[in-house]
Amino acid sequence: MADYNPTGKPRLERAGVQRGGPVPQGNPINPSFEQDVRDTLTELGDLLISKHRDYGPKNISQSPGGPLNGLRVRMHDKTARINNLLDNGGTAQHEPLEDSFKDLANYGIIALLVLRGKWDR
């Protein structure tokens, strides 16, 4: 899904789609899939906001090497944890595998906010 982006604009905006507007139509999908995606995004957003209240912005913005480096390290740690759990049966003692995927997704959202100049402003 990665692509070269010399404009700095989000992918849908580059395609002429207004943010919050209708999603381009393509192949039909199961109607519950769209709702499941939206529900999951809401869950992730609520978790990110809650954790942001606990941690504040400086744990990211003042990371050694800068915020993107700090996120890269956190994402690497989560990916290594996911790989270890999956390679060894997926049984965690302290936090479910699902939590690691949620954290990884939210680190991606934070990275987008950092790239867009919207983190810790």
C-alpha atoms as a PDB file:
ATOM      1  CA  MET A   1       0.000   0.000   0.000  1.00  0.00           C
ATOM      2  CA  ALA A   2       3.016   2.278   0.170  1.00  0.00           C
ATOM      3  CA  ASP A   3       3.508   4.713  -2.633  1.00  0.00           C
ATOM      4  CA  TYR A   4       5.701   7.621  -3.623  1.00  0.00           C
ATOM      5  CA  ASN A   5       4.113  10.842  -2.399  1.00  0.00           C
ATOM      6  CA  PRO A   6       5.958  14.006  -3.445  1.00  0.00           C
ATOM      7  CA  THR A   7       2.970  16.248  -2.550  1.00  0.00           C
ATOM      8  CA  GLY A   8       2.676  15.299   1.113  1.00  0.00           C
ATOM      9  CA  LYS A   9      -1.091  15.015   0.660  1.00  0.00           C
ATOM     10  CA  PRO A  10      -2.988  11.982   1.990  1.00  0.00           C
ATOM     11  CA  ARG A  11      -3.673   9.278  -0.589  1.00  0.00           C
ATOM     12  CA  LEU A  12      -7.434   9.868  -0.904  1.00  0.00           C
ATOM     13  CA  GLU A  13      -6.948  13.627  -1.174  1.00  0.00           C
ATOM     14  CA  ARG A  14      -4.478  13.056  -4.028  1.00  0.00           C
ATOM     15  CA  ALA A  15      -7.201  10.991  -5.697  1.00  0.00           C
ATOM     16  CA  GLY A  16      -9.643  13.902  -5.405  1.00  0.00           C
ATOM     17  CA  VAL A  17     -11.704  12.466  -2.537  1.00  0.00           C
ATOM     18  CA  GLN A  18     -12.792  14.910   0.172  1.00  0.00           C
ATOM     19  CA  ARG A  19     -11.932  13.897   3.733  1.00  0.00           C
ATOM     20  CA  GLY A  20     -15.055  12.581   5.444  1.00  0.00           C
ATOM     21  CA  GLY A  21     -16.819  12.343   2.082  1.00  0.00           C
ATOM     22  CA  PRO A  22     -18.009   9.243   0.303  1.00  0.00           C
ATOM     23  CA  VAL A  23     -15.444   6.518  -0.240  1.00  0.00           C
ATOM     24  CA  PRO A  24     -14.839   5.757  -3.936  1.00  0.00           C
ATOM     25  CA  GLN A  25     -17.004   2.910  -5.141  1.00  0.00           C
ATOM     26  CA  GLY A  26     -15.411  -0.215  -6.522  1.00  0.00           C
ATOM     27  CA  ASN A  27     -16.227  -3.841  -6.091  1.00  0.00           C
ATOM     28  CA  PRO A  28     -19.176  -4.399  -3.758  1.00  0.00           C
ATOM     29  CA  ILE A  29     -18.294  -5.425  -0.205  1.00  0.00           C
ATOM     30  CA  ASN A  30     -20.209  -7.062   2.588  1.00  0.00           C
ATOM     31  CA  PRO A  31     -22.133  -4.185   4.258  1.00  0.00           C
ATOM     32  CA  SER A  32     -21.114  -5.373   7.717  1.00  0.00           C
ATOM     33  CA  PHE A  33     -17.424  -5.058   6.733  1.00  0.00           C
ATOM     34  CA  GLU A  34     -17.688  -1.275   6.455  1.00  0.00           C
ATOM     35  CA  GLN A  35     -19.368  -1.039   9.860  1.00  0.00           C
ATOM     36  CA  ASP A  36     -16.807  -3.410  11.397  1.00  0.00           C
ATOM     37  CA  VAL A  37     -13.984  -1.204  10.047  1.00  0.00           C
ATOM     38  CA  ARG A  38     -15.607   1.958  11.396  1.00  0.00           C
ATOM     39  CA  ASP A  39     -16.265   0.336  14.793  1.00  0.00           C
ATOM     40  CA  THR A  40     -12.648  -0.841  14.991  1.00  0.00           C
ATOM     41  CA  LEU A  41     -11.329   2.612  14.051  1.00  0.00           C
ATOM     42  CA  THR A  42     -13.504   4.169  16.766  1.00  0.00           C
ATOM     43  CA  GLU A  43     -12.186   1.637  19.290  1.00  0.00           C
ATOM     44  CA  LEU A  44      -8.585   2.410  18.277  1.00  0.00           C
ATOM     45  CA  GLY A  45      -9.205   6.160  18.450  1.00  0.00           C
ATOM     46  CA  ASP A  46     -10.755   5.916  21.905  1.00  0.00           C
ATOM     47  CA  LEU A  47      -7.795   3.841  23.110  1.00  0.00           C
ATOM     48  CA  LEU A  48      -5.268   6.281  21.611  1.00  0.00           C
ATOM     49  CA  ILE A  49      -6.955   9.291  23.230  1.00  0.00           C
ATOM     50  CA  SER A  50      -7.152   7.515  26.592  1.00  0.00           C
ATOM     51  CA  LYS A  51      -3.479   6.522  26.490  1.00  0.00           C
ATOM     52  CA  HIS A  52      -2.519  10.026  25.349  1.00  0.00           C
ATOM     53  CA  ARG A  53      -4.163  11.372  28.511  1.00  0.00           C
ATOM     54  CA  ASP A  54      -2.038   8.966  30.569  1.00  0.00           C
ATOM     55  CA  TYR A  55       1.284   9.464  28.767  1.00  0.00           C
ATOM     56  CA  GLY A  56       1.051  12.960  27.309  1.00  0.00           C
ATOM     57  CA  PRO A  57       2.780  13.922  24.051  1.00  0.00           C
ATOM     58  CA  LYS A  58       6.366  14.169  25.270  1.00  0.00           C
ATOM     59  CA  ASN A  59       7.017  10.424  25.392  1.00  0.00           C
ATOM     60  CA  ILE A  60       6.857  10.598  21.585  1.00  0.00           C
ATOM     61  CA  SER A  61       7.921  14.150  20.762  1.00  0.00           C
ATOM     62  CA  GLN A  62      11.026  13.992  22.970  1.00  0.00           C
ATOM     63  CA  SER A  63      12.125  10.488  21.970  1.00  0.00           C
ATOM     64  CA  PRO A  64      15.884  10.078  21.428  1.00  0.00           C
ATOM     65  CA  GLY A  65      16.483  10.604  17.729  1.00  0.00           C
ATOM     66  CA  GLY A  66      13.156  12.395  17.317  1.00  0.00           C
ATOM     67  CA  PRO A  67       9.521  11.313  17.330  1.00  0.00           C
ATOM     68  CA  LEU A  68       9.660   9.140  14.220  1.00  0.00           C
ATOM     69  CA  ASN A  69      12.685   7.281  15.535  1.00  0.00           C
ATOM     70  CA  GLY A  70      10.906   6.738  18.858  1.00  0.00           C
ATOM     71  CA  LEU A  71       7.881   5.389  17.016  1.00  0.00           C
ATOM     72  CA  ARG A  72      10.080   3.160  14.874  1.00  0.00           C
ATOM     73  CA  VAL A  73      11.617   1.639  18.013  1.00  0.00           C
ATOM     74  CA  ARG A  74       8.193   1.108  19.623  1.00  0.00           C
ATOM     75  CA  MET A  75       6.811  -0.418  16.410  1.00  0.00           C
ATOM     76  CA  HIS A  76       9.835  -2.716  16.132  1.00  0.00           C
ATOM     77  CA  ASP A  77       9.341  -3.857  19.729  1.00  0.00           C
ATOM     78  CA  LYS A  78       5.629  -4.583  19.124  1.00  0.00           C
ATOM     79  CA  THR A  79       6.379  -6.436  15.886  1.00  0.00           C
ATOM     80  CA  ALA A  80       9.038  -8.521  17.634  1.00  0.00           C
ATOM     81  CA  ARG A  81       6.549  -9.305  20.422  1.00  0.00           C
ATOM     82  CA  ILE A  82       3.870 -10.302  17.891  1.00  0.00           C
ATOM     83  CA  ASN A  83       6.356 -12.514  16.043  1.00  0.00           C
ATOM     84  CA  ASN A  84       7.485 -14.163  19.279  1.00  0.00           C
ATOM     85  CA  LEU A  85       3.921 -14.862  20.403  1.00  0.00           C
ATOM     86  CA  LEU A  86       2.862 -16.250  17.031  1.00  0.00           C
ATOM     87  CA  ASP A  87       5.997 -18.367  16.673  1.00  0.00           C
ATOM     88  CA  ASN A  88       5.475 -19.790  20.170  1.00  0.00           C
ATOM     89  CA  GLY A  89       1.743 -20.446  20.206  1.00  0.00           C
ATOM     90  CA  GLY A  90       0.300 -16.965  20.753  1.00  0.00           C
ATOM     91  CA  THR A  91      -0.224 -17.286  24.514  1.00  0.00           C
ATOM     92  CA  ALA A  92       0.695 -14.128  26.401  1.00  0.00           C
ATOM     93  CA  GLN A  93       0.910 -13.859  30.169  1.00  0.00           C
ATOM     94  CA  HIS A  94       0.537 -10.089  30.466  1.00  0.00           C
ATOM     95  CA  GLU A  95      -1.232  -8.624  27.485  1.00  0.00           C
ATOM     96  CA  PRO A  96      -3.273 -10.319  24.751  1.00  0.00           C
ATOM     97  CA  LEU A  97      -1.955 -10.499  21.202  1.00  0.00           C
ATOM     98  CA  GLU A  98      -4.834  -8.224  20.170  1.00  0.00           C
ATOM     99  CA  ASP A  99      -3.439  -5.437  22.381  1.00  0.00           C
ATOM    100  CA  SER A 100      -0.116  -5.540  20.540  1.00  0.00           C
ATOM    101  CA  PHE A 101      -1.898  -5.122  17.199  1.00  0.00           C
ATOM    102  CA  LYS A 102      -3.932  -2.220  18.608  1.00  0.00           C
ATOM    103  CA  ASP A 103      -0.753  -0.522  19.822  1.00  0.00           C
ATOM    104  CA  LEU A 104       0.931  -1.068  16.454  1.00  0.00           C
ATOM    105  CA  ALA A 105      -2.037   0.460  14.623  1.00  0.00           C
ATOM    106  CA  ASN A 106      -2.091   3.446  16.966  1.00  0.00           C
ATOM    107  CA  TYR A 107       1.655   4.007  16.537  1.00  0.00           C
ATOM    108  CA  GLY A 108       0.914   4.268  12.816  1.00  0.00           C
ATOM    109  CA  ILE A 109      -1.748   6.892  13.517  1.00  0.00           C
ATOM    110  CA  ILE A 110       0.657   8.829  15.738  1.00  0.00           C
ATOM    111  CA  ALA A 111       3.286   8.694  12.974  1.00  0.00           C
ATOM    112  CA  LEU A 112       0.783  10.217  10.535  1.00  0.00           C
ATOM    113  CA  LEU A 113       0.035  12.985  13.037  1.00  0.00           C
ATOM    114  CA  VAL A 114       3.765  13.637  13.442  1.00  0.00           C
ATOM    115  CA  LEU A 115       4.312  13.734   9.661  1.00  0.00           C
ATOM    116  CA  ARG A 116       1.385  16.141   9.276  1.00  0.00           C
ATOM    117  CA  GLY A 117       2.654  18.435  12.032  1.00  0.00           C
ATOM    118  CA  LYS A 118      -0.344  17.716  14.262  1.00  0.00           C
ATOM    119  CA  TRP A 119       1.393  15.981  17.178  1.00  0.00           C
ATOM    120  CA  ASP A 120       2.199  18.052  20.267  1.00  0.00           C
ATOM    121  CA  ARG A 121       1.419  21.424  18.741  1.00  0.00           C
END
